[in-house]
Amino acid sequence: MSFSILDPLGVFFSISGAKGERLLFRYPFEILEGRKTRGANPYSLIVTEDIKNRSSNAENTVDSKRCSRSSSMVDDVGVPSGAQRLRSFSDKTLAHIFAFNIKTPLYNKKFVVKIDDVVFVGHPMHITAGINLRALREIPANVDKPPQDPLQRPSHTGSSISMFHIVFALRAEDVSHFVIDFYHKLSLKLALAINHEEQRDDFLQKQVKGLTSTIEEVAESNRKGGHSPVSPYGVALGKNQLAILLQRVYDDIVREGRTSVRVNNWINVSFCLLPKIHRDVELSEAALSEHIRRMKPYHGLLLLSSEQEIASDLPIDASSGLLRFLRIVSPLCNFQQLAMEAGTTLNQVFAMAGHLIYWAKARLIFPVCETNVYAISPNASIKVLSDNVEEFHQKFSDPSLLEILSDFSMPQPLRDVVPPFSDNMDTGKLTQIVIWCLKKELLMQLHTYVCLIPPDVKDLRYLRNDKLDWMSLPYEVKDKVMLNPLLKDEQQQADFTAFMKLVPHLRGKVHLEEIMFDLNLKRSQLIIILDKFRDVLVHAAHEDPNLQCFDKRNVP
């Protein structure tokens, strides 16, 4: 599946005020002569010769658009229908949609409008009155009464612009309400930062003035003729901070699914499109937050890039504690061990790990150890000529990737993979290979889950009891357990007492690693107890559901 369907079709900036409504910037854009063939009615249907066949080339078109920073929009051939429809809207029509129809009661509220196969998402921001910091700084020290009340905005600010609006256009046929919410959040973040800088430094006034003058100059130049028409938006990209900012946001989202920009070199705005960077079109922020909330001390963290690459993507004011944490993170250590090594609390480690997971810089795993059971992931790309095969060969040389994956064609504990007295493989090298395969999501870890289901017991409704314990078990189940011949030996009563403590965990909901953590047991101790009561237990091996939903990056 291609996640380019989540990319925006365009970004727009419009204003409303005493001088009316205007669209001051759009990106991507087309040169003016492309509109000469358009009909006068922007709502007329666009007839294409073969939309179905053209849509098959949409992926290539999107890729070419990602690499292009030119001043023209993509050609009609291969453009998705949403982009075709978007091209038909004139600047005047878009200004009418984004500004004219938005009255004061709709300011500072979520904006979502669907027209045919295009959805427009934004957040119209009212210019709030606040302290004019610039006027406050310019008050002379020897003046008793300031010439202007610093608590009031300058008169031109209040009269020229009442609202500005940053809007993203999306494909209606592919977008979900989750994606709409993310783009609304991005529009709101940018609007709040711009509004802040307007109060602090008249940033918006400067940028609007620059964009307006550019549009007028280019329009005058195009009227005089003598050269090919140019777009004022392309000219603005060479000198206007706001235009450059919106272009960068758009290109970053299309290319990587995340962006981090500074508005007026002051306010940092960071955003990531979670469904794209996590490769799950149905992923909501609530689902990811729940995934992060379920982190346990026995979990570990797998960095998906090198420490240097992740550190370079962090803001310049990133916490020094996070930078230290990146240096000590290892897929062989759990969070408890990392907290002790970092000299910090477990909650702080959870917070830093959650930040890295949210931004798709790391994955939550169970620390790699010899008792872990791994198998080939169902989403793994295992083609003989895949890029993974070549990359593996360059990194590890010998053995081949396909040979390693064949060892995990059936679920296999890590300690059983290395053959005895092997000349070209040792435990350390195999561990690094497994870590690499986990990053590429070629392998998945299977955990063992245990259910208390004695033979001949038909009614299993007791397993639904969230507060299951020995006393709440049905008599039929207790009788089956008590028939265990080992219980006749008085020396085995301690094992029976330990088994009673295990009962709340024997509903098939938690795996052995969590039982070991909750009851402070070693694996050998737990295995001995379970083995003695194996006649009344059922074992199952599968992925941890909380981790499984995020293993979707590789699609065959």
Protein backbone atom coordinates (compact mmCIF):
# COMPACT_ATOMS: atom_id res chain seq x y z
CA MET A 1 0.00 0.00 0.00
CA SER A 2 1.21 3.50 -0.84
CA PHE A 3 0.92 6.03 1.96
CA SER A 4 1.22 8.93 -0.49
CA ILE A 5 -2.59 9.06 -0.44
CA LEU A 6 -2.21 10.78 2.95
CA ASP A 7 -0.16 13.61 1.45
CA PRO A 8 -1.80 17.02 1.10
CA LEU A 9 -2.75 18.21 -2.37
CA GLY A 10 -1.78 21.76 -1.47
CA VAL A 11 -1.46 24.41 1.20
CA PHE A 12 -3.11 27.84 1.05
CA PHE A 13 -2.91 31.14 2.92
CA SER A 14 -5.75 33.66 2.84
CA ILE A 15 -6.75 36.74 4.81
CA SER A 16 -9.91 38.70 5.55
CA GLY A 17 -10.14 42.33 6.60
CA ALA A 18 -11.22 45.85 5.77
CA LYS A 19 -9.90 45.52 2.21
CA GLY A 20 -11.78 42.32 1.54
CA GLU A 21 -10.71 38.71 1.19
CA ARG A 22 -7.63 37.57 -0.68
CA LEU A 23 -5.73 34.39 -1.34
CA LEU A 24 -2.12 35.43 -0.91
CA PHE A 25 -0.31 32.12 -1.39
CA ARG A 26 -0.84 28.58 -2.63
CA TYR A 27 1.60 25.74 -3.07
CA PRO A 28 2.04 23.84 -5.35
CA PHE A 29 0.82 26.25 -8.02
CA GLU A 30 0.59 26.48 -11.78
CA ILE A 31 1.77 29.18 -14.14
CA LEU A 32 -0.84 31.66 -15.28
CA GLU A 33 -1.12 30.41 -18.85
CA GLY A 34 -2.42 27.10 -17.50
CA ARG A 35 -5.65 28.87 -16.56
CA LYS A 36 -6.34 30.30 -19.99
CA THR A 37 -7.97 27.07 -21.08
CA ARG A 38 -10.24 26.84 -18.03
CA GLY A 39 -13.91 27.62 -18.21
CA ALA A 40 -15.33 30.62 -16.44
CA ASN A 41 -17.32 28.46 -14.06
CA PRO A 42 -14.97 26.96 -11.41
CA TYR A 43 -17.65 24.44 -10.44
CA SER A 44 -17.94 22.93 -13.92
CA LEU A 45 -17.00 19.28 -14.33
CA ILE A 46 -13.57 18.43 -15.68
CA VAL A 47 -13.91 15.74 -18.34
CA THR A 48 -10.89 13.47 -18.68
CA GLU A 49 -10.35 10.84 -21.33
CA ASP A 50 -9.57 7.89 -19.06
CA ILE A 51 -9.48 8.68 -15.37
CA LYS A 52 -9.26 5.02 -14.37
CA ASN A 53 -6.09 4.38 -16.37
CA ARG A 54 -4.60 7.69 -15.36
CA SER A 55 -5.03 6.92 -11.68
CA SER A 56 -2.70 3.94 -12.00
CA ASN A 57 0.14 6.38 -12.56
CA ALA A 58 -0.70 8.45 -9.49
CA GLU A 59 2.15 6.99 -7.47
CA ASN A 60 4.79 8.08 -9.98
CA THR A 61 3.24 11.52 -10.22
CA VAL A 62 3.30 12.00 -6.46
CA ASP A 63 6.93 10.90 -6.31
CA SER A 64 7.91 13.41 -8.99
CA LYS A 65 6.00 16.13 -7.18
CA ARG A 66 7.91 15.37 -3.97
CA CYS A 67 11.24 16.02 -5.62
CA SER A 68 10.07 19.16 -7.41
CA ARG A 69 10.25 22.65 -6.01
CA SER A 70 9.35 24.27 -9.31
CA SER A 71 6.73 26.95 -9.68
CA SER A 72 4.29 24.83 -11.66
CA MET A 73 1.88 22.14 -10.70
CA VAL A 74 2.16 18.61 -12.07
CA ASP A 75 0.79 17.89 -15.53
CA ASP A 76 -2.68 16.53 -16.07
CA VAL A 77 -1.40 13.10 -17.08
CA GLY A 78 -1.44 10.79 -14.07
CA VAL A 79 -2.68 13.42 -11.62
CA PRO A 80 -5.20 12.02 -9.10
CA SER A 81 -8.72 13.29 -9.55
CA GLY A 82 -8.50 15.38 -6.37
CA ALA A 83 -5.53 17.31 -7.79
CA GLN A 84 -7.37 17.82 -11.08
CA ARG A 85 -10.33 19.27 -9.25
CA LEU A 86 -8.10 21.49 -7.17
CA ARG A 87 -6.53 22.99 -10.29
CA SER A 88 -9.94 24.17 -11.45
CA PHE A 89 -10.40 26.49 -8.47
CA SER A 90 -9.31 30.04 -9.20
CA ASP A 91 -7.65 32.15 -6.53
CA LYS A 92 -10.80 34.25 -6.29
CA THR A 93 -12.95 31.17 -5.69
CA LEU A 94 -10.59 29.84 -3.01
CA ALA A 95 -10.51 33.22 -1.27
CA HIS A 96 -14.32 33.14 -1.26
CA ILE A 97 -14.30 29.67 0.32
CA PHE A 98 -11.55 30.28 2.86
CA ALA A 99 -12.32 33.82 3.97
CA PHE A 100 -15.52 35.42 2.64
CA ASN A 101 -17.83 32.70 3.93
CA ILE A 102 -16.19 32.61 7.36
CA LYS A 103 -17.87 35.14 9.60
CA THR A 104 -16.84 36.19 13.11
CA PRO A 105 -18.77 33.39 14.93
CA LEU A 106 -16.71 30.83 12.96
CA TYR A 107 -13.34 32.30 13.89
CA ASN A 108 -11.01 30.08 15.95
CA LYS A 109 -12.96 26.95 15.11
CA LYS A 110 -12.26 23.85 13.07
CA PHE A 111 -12.82 24.37 9.34
CA VAL A 112 -13.69 21.37 7.13
CA VAL A 113 -15.32 21.78 3.71
CA LYS A 114 -15.74 19.04 1.10
CA ILE A 115 -16.22 19.97 -2.54
CA ASP A 116 -16.50 16.99 -4.86
CA ASP A 117 -13.34 14.90 -4.24
CA VAL A 118 -11.38 17.57 -2.35
CA VAL A 119 -11.51 18.24 1.40
CA PHE A 120 -10.25 21.56 2.74
CA VAL A 121 -9.07 21.58 6.36
CA GLY A 122 -7.96 24.60 8.35
CA HIS A 123 -8.42 26.79 11.40
CA PRO A 124 -9.36 30.45 10.73
CA MET A 125 -7.49 32.50 13.31
CA HIS A 126 -8.82 35.79 14.58
CA ILE A 127 -6.17 38.46 15.12
CA THR A 128 -6.35 38.83 18.87
CA ALA A 129 -5.76 42.14 20.58
CA GLY A 130 -2.85 42.04 22.95
CA ILE A 131 0.20 43.89 24.19
CA ASN A 132 2.09 45.57 21.41
CA LEU A 133 5.56 44.56 22.53
CA ARG A 134 7.26 46.57 19.82
CA ALA A 135 5.51 49.80 20.91
CA LEU A 136 6.36 48.99 24.51
CA ARG A 137 10.06 48.65 23.67
CA GLU A 138 10.07 51.96 21.77
CA ILE A 139 8.80 54.09 24.70
CA PRO A 140 11.60 56.58 25.54
CA ALA A 141 12.90 56.33 29.08
CA ASN A 142 12.49 60.09 29.72
CA VAL A 143 8.85 60.30 28.61
CA ASP A 144 6.35 60.32 31.43
CA LYS A 145 3.31 59.61 29.23
CA PRO A 146 3.83 57.31 26.25
CA PRO A 147 2.65 58.67 22.93
CA GLN A 148 0.73 55.46 22.31
CA ASP A 149 -0.92 53.07 24.72
CA PRO A 150 1.25 49.92 24.52
CA LEU A 151 -1.72 47.77 25.47
CA GLN A 152 -3.45 48.59 22.17
CA ARG A 153 -2.58 47.25 18.78
CA PRO A 154 -1.48 49.84 16.19
CA SER A 155 -4.45 51.26 14.33
CA HIS A 156 -3.39 49.73 11.01
CA THR A 157 -3.28 46.24 12.53
CA GLY A 158 -6.81 46.25 13.76
CA SER A 159 -8.23 47.71 10.55
CA SER A 160 -6.31 45.85 7.83
CA ILE A 161 -6.59 42.19 8.87
CA SER A 162 -9.24 40.62 11.04
CA MET A 163 -8.56 36.95 10.24
CA PHE A 164 -5.96 34.78 8.52
CA HIS A 165 -6.39 31.18 7.45
CA ILE A 166 -3.94 28.37 6.63
CA VAL A 167 -5.75 25.60 4.74
CA PHE A 168 -4.66 22.14 3.57
CA ALA A 169 -6.36 20.37 0.66
CA LEU A 170 -6.74 16.57 0.90
CA ARG A 171 -8.14 13.78 -1.29
CA ALA A 172 -11.67 13.14 -0.08
CA GLU A 173 -11.78 9.56 -1.35
CA ASP A 174 -8.74 8.46 0.65
CA VAL A 175 -8.86 10.58 3.78
CA SER A 176 -10.29 9.46 7.14
CA HIS A 177 -11.45 11.59 10.03
CA PHE A 178 -8.17 10.70 11.79
CA VAL A 179 -6.17 12.32 8.97
CA ILE A 180 -8.46 15.36 8.92
CA ASP A 181 -7.87 15.82 12.64
CA PHE A 182 -4.10 15.72 12.14
CA TYR A 183 -4.13 18.38 9.42
CA HIS A 184 -6.44 20.55 11.51
CA LYS A 185 -3.94 20.26 14.34
CA LEU A 186 -1.12 21.34 12.02
CA SER A 187 -3.12 24.34 10.79
CA LEU A 188 -3.90 25.32 14.38
CA LYS A 189 -0.26 25.04 15.48
CA LEU A 190 0.92 27.25 12.64
CA ALA A 191 -1.87 29.76 13.25
CA LEU A 192 -1.08 30.04 16.96
CA ALA A 193 2.62 30.57 16.26
CA ILE A 194 1.94 33.22 13.62
CA ASN A 195 -0.57 34.98 15.87
CA HIS A 196 1.99 35.03 18.69
CA GLU A 197 4.63 36.52 16.42
CA GLU A 198 2.14 39.09 15.17
CA GLN A 199 1.66 40.28 18.75
CA ARG A 200 5.39 40.25 19.43
CA ASP A 201 6.87 41.55 16.20
CA ASP A 202 4.09 42.39 13.68
CA PHE A 203 5.21 39.31 11.72
CA LEU A 204 1.90 38.79 9.94
CA GLN A 205 1.61 42.43 8.85
CA LYS A 206 5.08 42.30 7.29
CA GLN A 207 4.44 39.06 5.45
CA VAL A 208 1.01 40.09 4.19
CA LYS A 209 2.41 43.38 2.95
CA GLY A 210 5.22 41.55 1.15
CA LEU A 211 2.89 39.00 -0.45
CA THR A 212 0.43 41.69 -1.53
CA SER A 213 3.10 43.85 -3.14
CA THR A 214 4.57 40.79 -4.92
CA ILE A 215 1.18 39.86 -6.38
CA GLU A 216 0.61 43.43 -7.58
CA GLU A 217 4.10 43.75 -9.08
CA VAL A 218 3.86 40.45 -10.93
CA ALA A 219 0.35 41.25 -12.17
CA GLU A 220 1.59 44.58 -13.54
CA SER A 221 4.59 42.91 -15.14
CA ASN A 222 2.41 40.22 -16.76
CA ARG A 223 0.04 42.88 -18.11
CA LYS A 224 2.91 44.68 -19.84
CA GLY A 225 3.89 41.44 -21.56
CA GLY A 226 7.13 40.88 -23.40
CA HIS A 227 7.92 37.66 -21.58
CA SER A 228 6.28 34.44 -20.44
CA PRO A 229 3.78 34.87 -17.59
CA VAL A 230 5.15 34.07 -14.15
CA SER A 231 3.40 33.15 -10.96
CA PRO A 232 3.55 35.62 -8.07
CA TYR A 233 3.77 32.66 -5.73
CA GLY A 234 7.01 31.53 -7.33
CA VAL A 235 8.42 35.02 -6.91
CA ALA A 236 7.26 35.09 -3.28
CA LEU A 237 9.18 31.89 -2.57
CA GLY A 238 12.38 33.76 -3.26
CA LYS A 239 11.92 36.43 -0.60
CA ASN A 240 8.87 35.99 1.64
CA GLN A 241 9.38 34.17 4.97
CA LEU A 242 5.79 32.98 5.27
CA ALA A 243 5.72 31.57 1.74
CA ILE A 244 9.00 29.75 2.32
CA LEU A 245 7.67 28.44 5.64
CA LEU A 246 4.48 27.00 4.08
CA GLN A 247 6.43 25.47 1.21
CA ARG A 248 8.80 23.75 3.63
CA VAL A 249 5.92 22.42 5.72
CA TYR A 250 4.26 20.99 2.62
CA ASP A 251 7.44 19.42 1.22
CA ASP A 252 8.41 17.94 4.61
CA ILE A 253 4.99 16.32 5.06
CA VAL A 254 5.05 14.86 1.53
CA ARG A 255 8.63 13.63 1.82
CA GLU A 256 8.83 12.39 5.42
CA GLY A 257 5.44 12.79 7.08
CA ARG A 258 6.90 15.13 9.70
CA THR A 259 8.11 18.71 9.91
CA SER A 260 9.84 21.05 12.34
CA VAL A 261 9.98 24.76 11.47
CA ARG A 262 10.58 28.05 13.23
CA VAL A 263 8.08 30.84 12.69
CA ASN A 264 9.92 34.17 12.44
CA ASN A 265 13.04 32.39 13.74
CA TRP A 266 11.42 32.33 17.16
CA ILE A 267 8.53 29.90 17.71
CA ASN A 268 9.24 26.25 16.95
CA VAL A 269 6.39 24.24 15.39
CA SER A 270 6.83 20.47 15.26
CA PHE A 271 4.32 18.09 13.73
CA CYS A 272 4.16 14.53 12.48
CA LEU A 273 1.46 12.80 10.45
CA LEU A 274 1.19 9.66 12.57
CA PRO A 275 -0.69 7.46 10.04
CA LYS A 276 2.10 8.05 7.51
CA ILE A 277 5.23 7.73 9.63
CA HIS A 278 3.81 4.68 11.45
CA ARG A 279 2.44 3.12 8.25
CA ASP A 280 -1.12 2.71 9.50
CA VAL A 281 -3.85 4.73 7.81
CA GLU A 282 -6.24 4.06 10.69
CA LEU A 283 -3.84 5.11 13.45
CA SER A 284 -5.23 7.80 15.72
CA GLU A 285 -3.37 9.80 18.31
CA ALA A 286 -5.47 8.16 21.02
CA ALA A 287 -4.41 4.68 19.86
CA LEU A 288 -0.73 5.62 19.83
CA SER A 289 -1.04 7.24 23.25
CA GLU A 290 -2.60 4.06 24.60
CA HIS A 291 0.24 2.02 23.07
CA ILE A 292 2.78 4.25 24.83
CA ARG A 293 0.82 4.18 28.10
CA ARG A 294 1.14 0.39 28.21
CA MET A 295 4.91 0.48 28.45
CA LYS A 296 6.19 -1.69 31.29
CA PRO A 297 9.55 -1.73 33.10
CA TYR A 298 10.40 -5.07 31.46
CA HIS A 299 10.04 -3.57 27.95
CA GLY A 300 12.97 -2.21 25.96
CA LEU A 301 13.53 0.27 23.15
CA LEU A 302 14.81 -0.35 19.64
CA LEU A 303 16.15 2.74 17.88
CA LEU A 304 15.21 2.72 14.19
CA SER A 305 18.09 5.04 13.23
CA SER A 306 21.54 5.72 14.62
CA GLU A 307 21.96 7.91 17.67
CA GLN A 308 23.59 10.62 15.54
CA GLU A 309 20.73 10.68 13.01
CA ILE A 310 18.07 10.95 15.71
CA ALA A 311 20.00 13.62 17.62
CA SER A 312 20.38 15.70 14.45
CA ASP A 313 16.59 15.74 14.00
CA LEU A 314 15.96 17.03 17.52
CA PRO A 315 15.27 20.73 18.11
CA ILE A 316 18.24 22.83 19.13
CA ASP A 317 16.72 23.26 22.60
CA ALA A 318 16.21 19.52 23.13
CA SER A 319 16.68 18.22 26.66
CA SER A 320 20.20 17.21 27.54
CA GLY A 321 18.67 14.28 29.40
CA LEU A 322 17.17 13.00 26.14
CA LEU A 323 20.56 13.24 24.44
CA ARG A 324 22.17 11.24 27.27
CA PHE A 325 19.34 8.71 27.06
CA LEU A 326 20.01 8.20 23.34
CA ARG A 327 23.64 7.35 24.09
CA ILE A 328 22.79 4.53 26.51
CA VAL A 329 19.74 2.99 24.80
CA SER A 330 20.33 -0.63 23.90
CA PRO A 331 17.88 -3.29 22.62
CA LEU A 332 19.50 -5.66 25.13
CA CYS A 333 18.37 -3.64 28.18
CA ASN A 334 14.95 -3.09 29.70
CA PHE A 335 13.67 0.24 31.00
CA GLN A 336 14.58 -0.57 34.61
CA GLN A 337 18.19 -1.12 33.62
CA LEU A 338 18.21 2.03 31.46
CA ALA A 339 16.82 4.10 34.34
CA MET A 340 19.59 2.91 36.66
CA GLU A 341 22.28 3.53 34.05
CA ALA A 342 20.93 6.99 33.23
CA GLY A 343 20.60 7.87 36.91
CA THR A 344 16.99 8.97 36.48
CA THR A 345 13.50 7.82 37.40
CA LEU A 346 11.54 5.19 35.54
CA ASN A 347 8.81 7.74 34.73
CA GLN A 348 11.36 10.00 33.04
CA VAL A 349 12.61 7.07 30.99
CA PHE A 350 9.03 6.28 29.97
CA ALA A 351 8.51 9.92 28.93
CA MET A 352 11.65 9.98 26.77
CA ALA A 353 10.91 6.59 25.24
CA GLY A 354 7.33 7.67 24.52
CA HIS A 355 8.63 10.78 22.72
CA LEU A 356 10.87 8.67 20.46
CA ILE A 357 8.08 6.17 19.76
CA TYR A 358 5.61 8.95 18.94
CA TRP A 359 7.98 10.40 16.34
CA ALA A 360 8.70 6.94 14.86
CA LYS A 361 12.34 7.12 15.94
CA ALA A 362 12.09 3.94 18.02
CA ARG A 363 9.92 0.89 18.63
CA LEU A 364 8.79 -0.77 21.81
CA ILE A 365 10.18 -4.30 22.10
CA PHE A 366 11.02 -6.96 24.64
CA PRO A 367 14.82 -6.84 25.17
CA VAL A 368 16.68 -9.26 22.93
CA CYS A 369 17.88 -12.30 24.87
CA GLU A 370 18.59 -15.96 24.18
CA THR A 371 15.21 -17.17 25.47
CA ASN A 372 13.21 -14.99 23.06
CA VAL A 373 11.27 -16.89 20.41
CA TYR A 374 11.31 -15.36 16.92
CA ALA A 375 9.60 -16.19 13.62
CA ILE A 376 9.40 -14.58 10.19
CA SER A 377 7.01 -11.66 10.17
CA PRO A 378 3.99 -12.11 7.88
CA ASN A 379 4.70 -8.62 6.46
CA ALA A 380 8.36 -9.35 5.74
CA SER A 381 9.71 -8.74 2.25
CA ILE A 382 11.72 -11.90 1.59
CA LYS A 383 12.20 -11.72 -2.16
CA VAL A 384 15.54 -13.00 -3.38
CA LEU A 385 16.33 -9.71 -5.12
CA SER A 386 14.95 -7.39 -2.44
CA ASP A 387 16.91 -4.39 -1.19
CA ASN A 388 17.10 -6.01 2.23
CA VAL A 389 19.17 -8.89 0.84
CA GLU A 390 21.77 -6.55 -0.63
CA GLU A 391 21.89 -4.34 2.46
CA PHE A 392 22.29 -7.39 4.70
CA HIS A 393 25.16 -8.69 2.60
CA GLN A 394 26.99 -5.36 2.80
CA LYS A 395 26.58 -5.22 6.57
CA PHE A 396 27.20 -8.82 7.63
CA SER A 397 28.77 -10.45 4.57
CA ASP A 398 28.14 -14.02 5.72
CA PRO A 399 25.73 -15.83 6.08
CA SER A 400 23.02 -14.68 3.66
CA LEU A 401 19.79 -13.10 4.80
CA LEU A 402 17.67 -15.87 3.29
CA GLU A 403 19.71 -18.44 5.20
CA ILE A 404 19.06 -16.62 8.46
CA LEU A 405 15.34 -16.27 7.76
CA SER A 406 15.11 -19.96 6.92
CA ASP A 407 16.23 -20.70 10.49
CA PHE A 408 13.18 -18.80 11.71
CA SER A 409 10.70 -20.29 9.25
CA MET A 410 9.35 -22.06 12.32
CA PRO A 411 9.27 -20.28 15.71
CA GLN A 412 12.70 -20.69 17.25
CA PRO A 413 14.36 -19.58 20.49
CA LEU A 414 17.41 -17.48 19.76
CA ARG A 415 19.70 -19.84 21.69
CA ASP A 416 18.75 -22.74 19.38
CA VAL A 417 19.66 -20.99 16.13
CA VAL A 418 23.46 -21.02 16.39
CA PRO A 419 24.77 -24.50 15.59
CA PRO A 420 27.39 -25.86 18.00
CA PHE A 421 31.02 -25.22 17.05
CA SER A 422 30.00 -22.90 14.20
CA ASP A 423 32.95 -21.22 12.51
CA ASN A 424 31.14 -18.31 10.87
CA MET A 425 28.57 -17.46 13.53
CA ASP A 426 28.61 -16.71 17.24
CA THR A 427 25.96 -15.52 19.67
CA GLY A 428 27.11 -11.91 19.48
CA LYS A 429 26.91 -11.75 15.70
CA LEU A 430 23.53 -13.51 15.67
CA THR A 431 22.21 -11.00 18.21
CA GLN A 432 23.23 -8.11 15.95
CA ILE A 433 21.60 -9.85 12.98
CA VAL A 434 18.35 -10.32 14.90
CA ILE A 435 18.39 -6.64 15.96
CA TRP A 436 18.85 -5.63 12.32
CA CYS A 437 15.98 -7.92 11.26
CA LEU A 438 13.74 -6.42 13.95
CA LYS A 439 14.46 -2.92 12.64
CA LYS A 440 13.49 -4.06 9.15
CA GLU A 441 10.48 -5.92 10.64
CA LEU A 442 11.57 -9.18 9.04
CA LEU A 443 11.18 -10.99 12.36
CA MET A 444 8.53 -10.90 15.04
CA GLN A 445 8.74 -12.11 18.62
CA LEU A 446 6.29 -14.68 19.89
CA HIS A 447 5.28 -14.76 23.55
CA THR A 448 3.79 -17.69 25.46
CA TYR A 449 0.33 -17.23 26.94
CA VAL A 450 -1.18 -19.76 29.37
CA CYS A 451 -4.83 -20.60 30.10
CA LEU A 452 -6.16 -22.67 33.00
CA ILE A 453 -8.39 -25.12 31.10
CA PRO A 454 -8.55 -28.58 32.68
CA PRO A 455 -9.60 -31.54 30.48
CA ASP A 456 -13.35 -32.17 30.09
CA VAL A 457 -14.27 -28.69 31.37
CA LYS A 458 -16.81 -27.26 28.91
CA ASP A 459 -17.93 -24.03 30.55
CA LEU A 460 -15.06 -21.54 30.20
CA ARG A 461 -16.91 -18.39 31.21
CA TYR A 462 -14.74 -18.12 34.33
CA LEU A 463 -11.87 -16.98 32.07
CA ARG A 464 -13.76 -13.73 31.44
CA ASN A 465 -13.47 -12.77 35.09
CA ASP A 466 -11.00 -9.89 35.33
CA LYS A 467 -10.54 -10.64 39.05
CA LEU A 468 -10.01 -14.35 38.69
CA ASP A 469 -8.32 -16.07 41.66
CA TRP A 470 -8.32 -19.50 43.26
CA MET A 471 -11.36 -18.78 45.40
CA SER A 472 -13.47 -17.63 42.46
CA LEU A 473 -12.73 -20.70 40.32
CA PRO A 474 -15.67 -23.08 39.68
CA TYR A 475 -15.64 -26.21 41.83
CA GLU A 476 -15.31 -28.35 38.72
CA VAL A 477 -12.06 -26.63 37.82
CA LYS A 478 -10.72 -26.83 41.38
CA ASP A 479 -11.45 -30.56 41.50
CA LYS A 480 -9.52 -31.16 38.28
CA VAL A 481 -6.52 -29.25 39.64
CA MET A 482 -6.61 -31.08 42.96
CA LEU A 483 -6.41 -34.43 41.14
CA ASN A 484 -2.79 -33.65 40.30
CA PRO A 485 -0.82 -36.63 41.74
CA LEU A 486 2.04 -34.33 42.73
CA LEU A 487 -0.13 -32.77 45.39
CA LYS A 488 -0.11 -36.03 47.37
CA ASP A 489 3.48 -35.30 48.31
CA GLU A 490 3.61 -32.83 51.19
CA GLN A 491 6.83 -31.41 49.80
CA GLN A 492 4.91 -30.20 46.75
CA GLN A 493 2.51 -28.02 48.76
CA ALA A 494 4.81 -25.03 48.24
CA ASP A 495 4.43 -25.45 44.49
CA PHE A 496 0.65 -25.57 44.89
CA THR A 497 0.74 -22.33 46.88
CA ALA A 498 2.82 -20.75 44.12
CA PHE A 499 0.36 -22.06 41.52
CA MET A 500 -2.52 -20.41 43.36
CA LYS A 501 -0.70 -17.08 42.96
CA LEU A 502 -0.45 -17.75 39.23
CA VAL A 503 -4.17 -18.32 38.72
CA PRO A 504 -5.07 -14.62 38.11
CA HIS A 505 -2.57 -14.61 35.23
CA LEU A 506 -3.81 -17.84 33.61
CA ARG A 507 -6.56 -16.31 31.46
CA GLY A 508 -4.50 -16.11 28.26
CA LYS A 509 -4.23 -12.31 28.54
CA VAL A 510 -0.64 -11.91 29.77
CA HIS A 511 2.54 -13.59 28.60
CA LEU A 512 5.23 -15.28 30.65
CA GLU A 513 7.49 -12.21 30.73
CA GLU A 514 4.75 -10.14 32.36
CA ILE A 515 4.00 -12.91 34.87
CA MET A 516 7.68 -13.04 35.79
CA PHE A 517 7.71 -9.29 36.35
CA ASP A 518 4.46 -9.13 38.31
CA LEU A 519 5.36 -12.02 40.64
CA ASN A 520 9.12 -11.37 40.75
CA LEU A 521 9.93 -14.85 39.49
CA LYS A 522 12.85 -16.13 37.47
CA ARG A 523 12.00 -17.85 34.21
CA SER A 524 13.31 -21.18 35.51
CA GLN A 525 11.08 -20.96 38.60
CA LEU A 526 8.00 -20.14 36.53
CA ILE A 527 8.67 -22.92 34.02
CA ILE A 528 9.04 -25.51 36.82
CA ILE A 529 5.66 -24.58 38.34
CA LEU A 530 3.85 -24.54 35.01
CA ASP A 531 5.38 -27.87 34.04
CA LYS A 532 4.10 -29.55 37.19
CA PHE A 533 0.55 -28.45 36.39
CA ARG A 534 0.75 -28.93 32.63
CA ASP A 535 -2.21 -31.35 32.61
CA VAL A 536 -4.64 -28.52 33.39
CA LEU A 537 -2.97 -25.80 31.29
CA VAL A 538 -3.16 -24.82 27.62
CA HIS A 539 -0.26 -22.91 26.06
CA ALA A 540 -0.44 -20.58 23.05
CA ALA A 541 2.29 -18.57 21.32
CA HIS A 542 1.62 -15.33 19.46
CA GLU A 543 2.72 -11.70 19.29
CA ASP A 544 2.00 -9.21 22.01
CA PRO A 545 -1.17 -7.47 20.70
CA ASN A 546 0.06 -4.11 21.99
CA LEU A 547 3.19 -4.38 19.83
CA GLN A 548 1.69 -6.25 16.89
CA CYS A 549 -0.42 -3.33 15.61
CA PHE A 550 2.71 -1.26 14.99
CA ASP A 551 4.56 -3.89 12.93
CA LYS A 552 3.26 -2.69 9.55
CA ARG A 553 6.12 -0.83 7.95
CA ASN A 554 7.14 -3.52 5.49
CA VAL A 555 4.55 -4.52 2.95
CA PRO A 556 5.37 -7.39 0.57
